[in-house]
C-alpha atoms as a PDB file:
ATOM      1  CA  UNK A   1       0.000   0.000   0.000  1.00  0.00           C
ATOM      2  CA  UNK A   2       1.380   3.397  -1.015  1.00  0.00           C
ATOM      3  CA  UNK A   3       1.815   6.337   1.331  1.00  0.00           C
ATOM      4  CA  UNK A   4      -0.987   8.172  -0.458  1.00  0.00           C
ATOM      5  CA  UNK A   5      -3.380   5.267   0.096  1.00  0.00           C
ATOM      6  CA  UNK A   6      -2.410   5.071   3.771  1.00  0.00           C
ATOM      7  CA  UNK A   7      -3.045   8.798   4.213  1.00  0.00           C
ATOM      8  CA  UNK A   8      -6.449   8.545   2.526  1.00  0.00           C
ATOM      9  CA  UNK A   9      -7.355   5.550   4.679  1.00  0.00           C
ATOM     10  CA  UNK A  10      -6.309   7.308   7.888  1.00  0.00           C
ATOM     11  CA  UNK A  11      -8.244  10.410   6.823  1.00  0.00           C
ATOM     12  CA  UNK A  12     -11.343   8.269   6.365  1.00  0.00           C
ATOM     13  CA  UNK A  13     -10.873   6.766   9.821  1.00  0.00           C
ATOM     14  CA  UNK A  14     -10.422  10.269  11.256  1.00  0.00           C
ATOM     15  CA  UNK A  15     -13.734  11.336   9.729  1.00  0.00           C
ATOM     16  CA  UNK A  16     -15.416   8.262  11.221  1.00  0.00           C
ATOM     17  CA  UNK A  17     -13.977   9.135  14.626  1.00  0.00           C
ATOM     18  CA  UNK A  18     -15.094  12.749  14.293  1.00  0.00           C
ATOM     19  CA  UNK A  19     -18.655  11.584  13.571  1.00  0.00           C
ATOM     20  CA  UNK A  20     -18.522   9.405  16.685  1.00  0.00           C
ATOM     21  CA  UNK A  21     -17.116  12.400  18.546  1.00  0.00           C
ATOM     22  CA  UNK A  22     -20.173  14.428  17.529  1.00  0.00           C
ATOM     23  CA  UNK A  23     -22.345  11.830  19.260  1.00  0.00           C
ATOM     24  CA  UNK A  24     -20.027  11.872  22.278  1.00  0.00           C
ATOM     25  CA  UNK A  25     -20.680  15.611  22.585  1.00  0.00           C
ATOM     26  CA  UNK A  26     -24.354  14.768  22.984  1.00  0.00           C
ATOM     27  CA  UNK A  27     -23.506  12.204  25.663  1.00  0.00           C
ATOM     28  CA  UNK A  28     -21.223  14.638  27.509  1.00  0.00           C
ATOM     29  CA  UNK A  29     -23.962  17.254  27.617  1.00  0.00           C
ATOM     30  CA  UNK A  30     -26.992  15.071  28.303  1.00  0.00           C
ATOM     31  CA  UNK A  31     -25.860  12.216  30.556  1.00  0.00           C
ATOM     32  CA  UNK A  32     -25.115  14.425  33.611  1.00  0.00           C
ATOM     33  CA  UNK A  33     -28.503  16.090  33.084  1.00  0.00           C
ATOM     34  CA  UNK A  34     -30.257  12.722  33.044  1.00  0.00           C
ATOM     35  CA  UNK A  35     -31.527  13.272  29.506  1.00  0.00           C
ATOM     36  CA  UNK A  36     -31.836  10.763  26.672  1.00  0.00           C
ATOM     37  CA  UNK A  37     -28.901  10.678  24.267  1.00  0.00           C
ATOM     38  CA  UNK A  38     -31.195   9.559  21.444  1.00  0.00           C
ATOM     39  CA  UNK A  39     -34.081  12.023  21.485  1.00  0.00           C
ATOM     40  CA  UNK A  40     -34.773  14.835  20.886  1.00  0.00           C
ATOM     41  CA  UNK A  41     -32.514  15.914  18.049  1.00  0.00           C
ATOM     42  CA  UNK A  42     -29.677  18.313  18.788  1.00  0.00           C
ATOM     43  CA  UNK A  43     -30.803  21.885  19.339  1.00  0.00           C
ATOM     44  CA  UNK A  44     -29.286  25.224  20.217  1.00  0.00           C
ATOM     45  CA  UNK A  45     -29.130  25.553  24.022  1.00  0.00           C
ATOM     46  CA  UNK A  46     -29.922  29.284  23.689  1.00  0.00           C
ATOM     47  CA  UNK A  47     -32.828  29.590  21.242  1.00  0.00           C
ATOM     48  CA  UNK A  48     -33.806  25.867  21.397  1.00  0.00           C
ATOM     49  CA  UNK A  49     -34.049  25.668  17.585  1.00  0.00           C
ATOM     50  CA  UNK A  50     -33.438  22.179  16.215  1.00  0.00           C
ATOM     51  CA  UNK A  51     -30.080  22.077  14.456  1.00  0.00           C
ATOM     52  CA  UNK A  52     -30.300  20.880  10.857  1.00  0.00           C
ATOM     53  CA  UNK A  53     -27.942  18.133   9.764  1.00  0.00           C
ATOM     54  CA  UNK A  54     -25.886  20.407   7.520  1.00  0.00           C
ATOM     55  CA  UNK A  55     -25.305  22.721  10.481  1.00  0.00           C
ATOM     56  CA  UNK A  56     -24.104  19.776  12.552  1.00  0.00           C
ATOM     57  CA  UNK A  57     -21.263  18.395  10.454  1.00  0.00           C
ATOM     58  CA  UNK A  58     -18.328  17.486  12.715  1.00  0.00           C
ATOM     59  CA  UNK A  59     -15.695  20.250  12.922  1.00  0.00           C
ATOM     60  CA  UNK A  60     -16.623  21.692   9.509  1.00  0.00           C
ATOM     61  CA  UNK A  61     -19.923  23.290  10.549  1.00  0.00           C
ATOM     62  CA  UNK A  62     -18.375  24.916  13.616  1.00  0.00           C
ATOM     63  CA  UNK A  63     -15.666  26.476  11.444  1.00  0.00           C
ATOM     64  CA  UNK A  64     -18.047  27.632   8.702  1.00  0.00           C
ATOM     65  CA  UNK A  65     -20.474  29.109  11.223  1.00  0.00           C
ATOM     66  CA  UNK A  66     -17.563  30.641  13.166  1.00  0.00           C
ATOM     67  CA  UNK A  67     -18.628  28.851  16.297  1.00  0.00           C
ATOM     68  CA  UNK A  68     -22.114  30.374  16.404  1.00  0.00           C
ATOM     69  CA  UNK A  69     -25.698  29.237  16.073  1.00  0.00           C
ATOM     70  CA  UNK A  70     -27.009  29.628  12.531  1.00  0.00           C
ATOM     71  CA  UNK A  71     -30.337  30.968  13.856  1.00  0.00           C
ATOM     72  CA  UNK A  72     -29.717  33.190  16.883  1.00  0.00           C
ATOM     73  CA  UNK A  73     -25.980  33.806  16.562  1.00  0.00           C
ATOM     74  CA  UNK A  74     -25.224  32.642  20.113  1.00  0.00           C
ATOM     75  CA  UNK A  75     -21.688  31.254  20.535  1.00  0.00           C
ATOM     76  CA  UNK A  76     -21.033  27.520  20.703  1.00  0.00           C
ATOM     77  CA  UNK A  77     -18.151  26.298  22.840  1.00  0.00           C
ATOM     78  CA  UNK A  78     -14.941  25.325  21.095  1.00  0.00           C
ATOM     79  CA  UNK A  79     -15.276  22.154  23.164  1.00  0.00           C
ATOM     80  CA  UNK A  80     -17.478  20.647  20.428  1.00  0.00           C
ATOM     81  CA  UNK A  81     -14.935  20.589  17.574  1.00  0.00           C
ATOM     82  CA  UNK A  82     -12.164  19.717  20.038  1.00  0.00           C
ATOM     83  CA  UNK A  83     -13.982  16.574  21.190  1.00  0.00           C
ATOM     84  CA  UNK A  84     -14.673  15.624  17.574  1.00  0.00           C
ATOM     85  CA  UNK A  85     -11.059  16.222  16.539  1.00  0.00           C
ATOM     86  CA  UNK A  86      -9.712  14.349  19.566  1.00  0.00           C
ATOM     87  CA  UNK A  87     -11.917  11.342  18.914  1.00  0.00           C
ATOM     88  CA  UNK A  88     -10.993  11.350  15.230  1.00  0.00           C
ATOM     89  CA  UNK A  89      -7.291  11.535  16.090  1.00  0.00           C
ATOM     90  CA  UNK A  90      -7.571   8.651  18.572  1.00  0.00           C
ATOM     91  CA  UNK A  91      -9.415   6.505  16.034  1.00  0.00           C
ATOM     92  CA  UNK A  92      -6.731   7.217  13.412  1.00  0.00           C
ATOM     93  CA  UNK A  93      -3.883   6.550  15.883  1.00  0.00           C
ATOM     94  CA  UNK A  94      -5.249   3.203  17.003  1.00  0.00           C
ATOM     95  CA  UNK A  95      -6.007   2.177  13.431  1.00  0.00           C
ATOM     96  CA  UNK A  96      -2.418   3.055  12.528  1.00  0.00           C
ATOM     97  CA  UNK A  97      -1.201   1.088  15.558  1.00  0.00           C
ATOM     98  CA  UNK A  98      -3.243  -2.092  15.137  1.00  0.00           C
ATOM     99  CA  UNK A  99      -4.503  -2.005  11.535  1.00  0.00           C
ATOM    100  CA  UNK A 100      -7.513  -3.992  10.378  1.00  0.00           C
ATOM    101  CA  UNK A 101      -7.919  -6.078  13.498  1.00  0.00           C
ATOM    102  CA  UNK A 102     -10.461  -6.723  16.221  1.00  0.00           C
ATOM    103  CA  UNK A 103      -8.103  -4.981  18.644  1.00  0.00           C
ATOM    104  CA  UNK A 104      -8.785  -1.749  16.772  1.00  0.00           C
ATOM    105  CA  UNK A 105     -12.516  -2.009  17.426  1.00  0.00           C
ATOM    106  CA  UNK A 106     -11.916  -2.572  21.134  1.00  0.00           C
ATOM    107  CA  UNK A 107      -9.498   0.380  21.175  1.00  0.00           C
ATOM    108  CA  UNK A 108     -12.079   2.604  19.500  1.00  0.00           C
ATOM    109  CA  UNK A 109     -14.742   1.566  21.992  1.00  0.00           C
ATOM    110  CA  UNK A 110     -12.470   2.223  24.966  1.00  0.00           C
ATOM    111  CA  UNK A 111     -11.334   5.567  23.535  1.00  0.00           C
ATOM    112  CA  UNK A 112     -14.946   6.692  23.032  1.00  0.00           C
ATOM    113  CA  UNK A 113     -15.860   5.733  26.599  1.00  0.00           C
ATOM    114  CA  UNK A 114     -12.821   7.499  28.047  1.00  0.00           C
ATOM    115  CA  UNK A 115     -13.346  10.708  26.062  1.00  0.00           C
ATOM    116  CA  UNK A 116     -16.931  10.873  27.325  1.00  0.00           C
ATOM    117  CA  UNK A 117     -15.938  10.132  30.920  1.00  0.00           C
ATOM    118  CA  UNK A 118     -13.061  12.629  30.881  1.00  0.00           C
ATOM    119  CA  UNK A 119     -15.077  15.619  29.724  1.00  0.00           C
ATOM    120  CA  UNK A 120     -17.978  14.852  32.055  1.00  0.00           C
ATOM    121  CA  UNK A 121     -15.501  14.611  34.926  1.00  0.00           C
ATOM    122  CA  UNK A 122     -13.902  17.915  33.915  1.00  0.00           C
ATOM    123  CA  UNK A 123     -17.290  19.648  33.817  1.00  0.00           C
ATOM    124  CA  UNK A 124     -19.042  18.101  36.818  1.00  0.00           C
ATOM    125  CA  UNK A 125     -16.342  16.196  38.747  1.00  0.00           C
ATOM    126  CA  UNK A 126     -18.342  12.999  38.478  1.00  0.00           C
ATOM    127  CA  UNK A 127     -17.842   9.758  36.590  1.00  0.00           C
ATOM    128  CA  UNK A 128     -21.320   8.481  35.711  1.00  0.00           C
ATOM    129  CA  UNK A 129     -22.092   4.957  36.865  1.00  0.00           C
ATOM    130  CA  UNK A 130     -24.159   4.557  33.703  1.00  0.00           C
ATOM    131  CA  UNK A 131     -20.854   4.416  31.787  1.00  0.00           C
ATOM    132  CA  UNK A 132     -18.319   2.877  34.170  1.00  0.00           C
ATOM    133  CA  UNK A 133     -20.416   0.076  35.662  1.00  0.00           C
ATOM    134  CA  UNK A 134     -21.678  -1.372  32.332  1.00  0.00           C
ATOM    135  CA  UNK A 135     -18.140  -0.817  31.034  1.00  0.00           C
ATOM    136  CA  UNK A 136     -16.827  -3.466  33.440  1.00  0.00           C
ATOM    137  CA  UNK A 137     -18.698  -6.458  31.934  1.00  0.00           C
ATOM    138  CA  UNK A 138     -18.211  -5.019  28.441  1.00  0.00           C
ATOM    139  CA  UNK A 139     -14.462  -4.850  29.037  1.00  0.00           C
ATOM    140  CA  UNK A 140     -14.456  -8.395  30.379  1.00  0.00           C
ATOM    141  CA  UNK A 141     -16.302  -9.590  27.264  1.00  0.00           C
ATOM    142  CA  UNK A 142     -13.793  -7.736  25.064  1.00  0.00           C
ATOM    143  CA  UNK A 143     -10.935  -9.634  26.726  1.00  0.00           C
ATOM    144  CA  UNK A 144     -11.871 -12.606  24.564  1.00  0.00           C
ATOM    145  CA  UNK A 145     -11.117 -10.499  21.466  1.00  0.00           C
ATOM    146  CA  UNK A 146      -7.649  -9.371  22.531  1.00  0.00           C
ATOM    147  CA  UNK A 147      -4.833 -11.810  21.687  1.00  0.00           C
ATOM    148  CA  UNK A 148      -2.606 -10.787  24.612  1.00  0.00           C
ATOM    149  CA  UNK A 149      -5.346 -10.669  27.280  1.00  0.00           C
ATOM    150  CA  UNK A 150      -6.940 -13.661  28.974  1.00  0.00           C
ATOM    151  CA  UNK A 151     -10.264 -13.576  30.770  1.00  0.00           C
ATOM    152  CA  UNK A 152      -8.401 -14.442  33.977  1.00  0.00           C
ATOM    153  CA  UNK A 153      -6.211 -11.341  33.615  1.00  0.00           C
ATOM    154  CA  UNK A 154      -9.288  -9.245  32.883  1.00  0.00           C
ATOM    155  CA  UNK A 155     -11.045 -10.548  35.983  1.00  0.00           C
ATOM    156  CA  UNK A 156      -7.974  -9.950  38.119  1.00  0.00           C
ATOM    157  CA  UNK A 157      -7.680  -6.487  36.599  1.00  0.00           C
ATOM    158  CA  UNK A 158     -11.203  -5.681  37.789  1.00  0.00           C
ATOM    159  CA  UNK A 159     -10.373  -6.790  41.319  1.00  0.00           C
ATOM    160  CA  UNK A 160      -6.993  -5.046  41.415  1.00  0.00           C
ATOM    161  CA  UNK A 161      -8.222  -1.891  39.732  1.00  0.00           C
ATOM    162  CA  UNK A 162     -11.140  -1.417  42.068  1.00  0.00           C
ATOM    163  CA  UNK A 163      -9.340  -2.712  45.142  1.00  0.00           C
ATOM    164  CA  UNK A 164      -6.089  -0.761  44.906  1.00  0.00           C
ATOM    165  CA  UNK A 165      -7.702   2.584  44.205  1.00  0.00           C
ATOM    166  CA  UNK A 166     -10.347   1.986  46.872  1.00  0.00           C
ATOM    167  CA  UNK A 167      -7.584   1.277  49.404  1.00  0.00           C
ATOM    168  CA  UNK A 168      -5.768   4.477  48.377  1.00  0.00           C
ATOM    169  CA  UNK A 169      -8.962   6.524  48.642  1.00  0.00           C
ATOM    170  CA  UNK A 170      -9.875   5.132  52.060  1.00  0.00           C
ATOM    171  CA  UNK A 171      -6.286   5.477  53.315  1.00  0.00           C
ATOM    172  CA  UNK A 172      -6.095   9.118  52.216  1.00  0.00           C
ATOM    173  CA  UNK A 173      -9.456   9.878  53.823  1.00  0.00           C
ATOM    174  CA  UNK A 174      -8.351   8.204  57.072  1.00  0.00           C
ATOM    175  CA  UNK A 175      -5.064  10.107  57.198  1.00  0.00           C
ATOM    176  CA  UNK A 176      -6.342  13.538  56.191  1.00  0.00           C
ATOM    177  CA  UNK A 177      -9.948  13.324  57.451  1.00  0.00           C
ATOM    178  CA  UNK A 178     -11.167  14.580  54.086  1.00  0.00           C
ATOM    179  CA  UNK A 179     -12.190  12.970  50.825  1.00  0.00           C
ATOM    180  CA  UNK A 180      -9.440  13.049  48.231  1.00  0.00           C
ATOM    181  CA  UNK A 181     -10.755  10.662  45.611  1.00  0.00           C
ATOM    182  CA  UNK A 182     -14.290   9.711  44.674  1.00  0.00           C
ATOM    183  CA  UNK A 183     -15.619   6.217  44.172  1.00  0.00           C
ATOM    184  CA  UNK A 184     -16.148   7.106  40.517  1.00  0.00           C
ATOM    185  CA  UNK A 185     -12.381   6.817  40.002  1.00  0.00           C
ATOM    186  CA  UNK A 186     -12.440   3.402  41.684  1.00  0.00           C
ATOM    187  CA  UNK A 187     -15.125   2.153  39.299  1.00  0.00           C
ATOM    188  CA  UNK A 188     -13.281   3.670  36.343  1.00  0.00           C
ATOM    189  CA  UNK A 189     -10.062   1.846  37.191  1.00  0.00           C
ATOM    190  CA  UNK A 190     -12.018  -1.385  37.622  1.00  0.00           C
ATOM    191  CA  UNK A 191     -13.370  -0.817  34.100  1.00  0.00           C
ATOM    192  CA  UNK A 192      -9.859  -0.190  32.790  1.00  0.00           C
ATOM    193  CA  UNK A 193      -8.712  -3.392  34.479  1.00  0.00           C
ATOM    194  CA  UNK A 194     -11.469  -5.254  32.649  1.00  0.00           C
ATOM    195  CA  UNK A 195     -10.412  -3.841  29.278  1.00  0.00           C
ATOM    196  CA  UNK A 196      -6.626  -3.943  29.720  1.00  0.00           C
ATOM    197  CA  UNK A 197      -5.986  -6.653  32.300  1.00  0.00           C
ATOM    198  CA  UNK A 198      -4.113  -6.841  35.585  1.00  0.00           C
ATOM    199  CA  UNK A 199      -0.680  -5.836  34.180  1.00  0.00           C
ATOM    200  CA  UNK A 200      -2.074  -2.435  33.236  1.00  0.00           C
ATOM    201  CA  UNK A 201      -3.203  -1.355  36.702  1.00  0.00           C
ATOM    202  CA  UNK A 202       0.040  -0.199  38.343  1.00  0.00           C
ATOM    203  CA  UNK A 203       1.475   1.436  35.190  1.00  0.00           C
ATOM    204  CA  UNK A 204      -1.801   3.336  34.709  1.00  0.00           C
ATOM    205  CA  UNK A 205      -1.858   4.547  38.318  1.00  0.00           C
ATOM    206  CA  UNK A 206       1.812   5.543  38.117  1.00  0.00           C
ATOM    207  CA  UNK A 207       1.477   7.380  34.800  1.00  0.00           C
ATOM    208  CA  UNK A 208      -1.798   9.055  35.823  1.00  0.00           C
ATOM    209  CA  UNK A 209      -0.155  10.253  39.032  1.00  0.00           C
ATOM    210  CA  UNK A 210       2.723  11.785  37.061  1.00  0.00           C
ATOM    211  CA  UNK A 211       0.273  13.496  34.702  1.00  0.00           C
ATOM    212  CA  UNK A 212      -1.836  14.731  37.585  1.00  0.00           C
ATOM    213  CA  UNK A 213       1.188  16.120  39.403  1.00  0.00           C
ATOM    214  CA  UNK A 214       2.505  17.820  36.268  1.00  0.00           C
ATOM    215  CA  UNK A 215      -0.833  19.573  35.788  1.00  0.00           C
ATOM    216  CA  UNK A 216      -2.007  19.960  39.376  1.00  0.00           C
ATOM    217  CA  UNK A 217       1.073  21.517  40.981  1.00  0.00           C
ATOM    218  CA  UNK A 218       1.306  24.444  38.509  1.00  0.00           C
ATOM    219  CA  UNK A 219      -2.451  25.023  38.843  1.00  0.00           C
ATOM    220  CA  UNK A 220      -2.200  25.103  42.629  1.00  0.00           C
ATOM    221  CA  UNK A 221       0.661  27.598  42.409  1.00  0.00           C
ATOM    222  CA  UNK A 222      -1.157  29.790  39.899  1.00  0.00           C
ATOM    223  CA  UNK A 223      -4.452  29.791  41.802  1.00  0.00           C
ATOM    224  CA  UNK A 224      -2.775  29.698  45.213  1.00  0.00           C
ATOM    225  CA  UNK A 225      -5.349  27.153  46.307  1.00  0.00           C
ATOM    226  CA  UNK A 226      -3.025  24.652  47.966  1.00  0.00           C
ATOM    227  CA  UNK A 227      -4.467  21.209  48.528  1.00  0.00           C
ATOM    228  CA  UNK A 228      -7.994  22.669  48.467  1.00  0.00           C
ATOM    229  CA  UNK A 229      -7.935  22.832  44.663  1.00  0.00           C
ATOM    230  CA  UNK A 230     -10.204  20.066  43.358  1.00  0.00           C
ATOM    231  CA  UNK A 231      -8.724  18.440  40.251  1.00  0.00           C
ATOM    232  CA  UNK A 232     -10.606  15.498  38.718  1.00  0.00           C
ATOM    233  CA  UNK A 233      -8.426  12.407  38.445  1.00  0.00           C
ATOM    234  CA  UNK A 234     -10.550  10.635  35.829  1.00  0.00           C
ATOM    235  CA  UNK A 235      -9.025  12.381  32.784  1.00  0.00           C
ATOM    236  CA  UNK A 236      -5.528  11.423  33.941  1.00  0.00           C
ATOM    237  CA  UNK A 237      -6.537   7.782  34.408  1.00  0.00           C
ATOM    238  CA  UNK A 238      -8.113   7.874  30.951  1.00  0.00           C
ATOM    239  CA  UNK A 239      -5.030   9.419  29.342  1.00  0.00           C
ATOM    240  CA  UNK A 240      -2.716   6.954  31.066  1.00  0.00           C
ATOM    241  CA  UNK A 241      -4.854   4.029  29.905  1.00  0.00           C
ATOM    242  CA  UNK A 242      -4.731   5.179  26.286  1.00  0.00           C
ATOM    243  CA  UNK A 243      -0.967   5.662  26.468  1.00  0.00           C
ATOM    244  CA  UNK A 244      -0.590   2.191  27.966  1.00  0.00           C
ATOM    245  CA  UNK A 245      -2.735   0.626  25.251  1.00  0.00           C
ATOM    246  CA  UNK A 246      -0.847   2.367  22.462  1.00  0.00           C
ATOM    247  CA  UNK A 247       2.710   1.937  23.709  1.00  0.00           C
ATOM    248  CA  UNK A 248       3.408  -0.157  26.746  1.00  0.00           C
ATOM    249  CA  UNK A 249       1.572  -3.449  26.438  1.00  0.00           C
ATOM    250  CA  UNK A 250       3.635  -4.738  23.520  1.00  0.00           C
ATOM    251  CA  UNK A 251       6.724  -2.566  23.647  1.00  0.00           C
ATOM    252  CA  UNK A 252       7.744  -2.583  27.305  1.00  0.00           C
ATOM    253  CA  UNK A 253       9.473  -5.840  28.381  1.00  0.00           C
ATOM    254  CA  UNK A 254       8.819  -4.946  32.013  1.00  0.00           C
ATOM    255  CA  UNK A 255       5.065  -4.924  31.375  1.00  0.00           C
ATOM    256  CA  UNK A 256       5.275  -8.402  29.820  1.00  0.00           C
ATOM    257  CA  UNK A 257       7.317  -9.697  32.759  1.00  0.00           C
ATOM    258  CA  UNK A 258       4.854  -8.133  35.176  1.00  0.00           C
ATOM    259  CA  UNK A 259       1.953  -9.781  33.360  1.00  0.00           C
ATOM    260  CA  UNK A 260       3.643 -13.169  33.449  1.00  0.00           C
ATOM    261  CA  UNK A 261       4.308 -12.811  37.185  1.00  0.00           C
ATOM    262  CA  UNK A 262       0.660 -11.938  37.847  1.00  0.00           C
ATOM    263  CA  UNK A 263      -0.509 -14.838  35.674  1.00  0.00           C
ATOM    264  CA  UNK A 264       1.753 -17.250  37.598  1.00  0.00           C
ATOM    265  CA  UNK A 265       0.388 -15.956  40.904  1.00  0.00           C
ATOM    266  CA  UNK A 266      -3.201 -16.251  39.642  1.00  0.00           C
ATOM    267  CA  UNK A 267      -2.769 -19.842  38.440  1.00  0.00           C
ATOM    268  CA  UNK A 268      -1.062 -20.789  41.672  1.00  0.00           C
ATOM    269  CA  UNK A 269      -4.189 -19.717  43.553  1.00  0.00           C
ATOM    270  CA  UNK A 270      -6.647 -21.512  41.286  1.00  0.00           C
END
């Protein structure tokens, strides 16, 4: 396949991801409000006019309309094209990484879930159970489609993911007498354990902690809020999981050794 054909193929995948991202925008807006993500059709939040399909093309319509409603001229957040572009980029990256394979479909599904969770957490500092809890059995089912992941590792990942983060949350609360991490993060990591297996848990926590520190410390200094500044941890867990899926699982020998050690320990118990 020529470079030109590869570029065209990746562009097509990007467009597909951007279309999915347009639907994720609906989910990000409506799920916290308890509204249906299916009906009614998208409408302007200011004038409540139903948005026609040609005014709702991913990225393109926002640019052509200069980020404003076609009917009342009210501004639309740049968040909308950013979510669409991010989802399209993730779809293209994972297609480039795994090619035409069932792993790609699982990667796309996980990316879509994590984009939705991340932006809801940023807006409302909640991780909806309606996404994370069903995501656990879905991730476990997807373990049968991943060549490097066994159902045993997926099951252990659920237990480790939920258990480790729950222990950290309870330990922090006991030491500081204040809540530092919500149970939504615990459920999210259990979902990530289901999708990625037990070997992913510690690397994800470690990488998410580095990301959170790199972002949180400057924010605390800028806002002079100290430890009182509430920073959602979900987006960092999501970002770390996507990095792990793209890079670490196959490229890092330590991750493979860690997975083999966990598998040996699991089989020794059962």
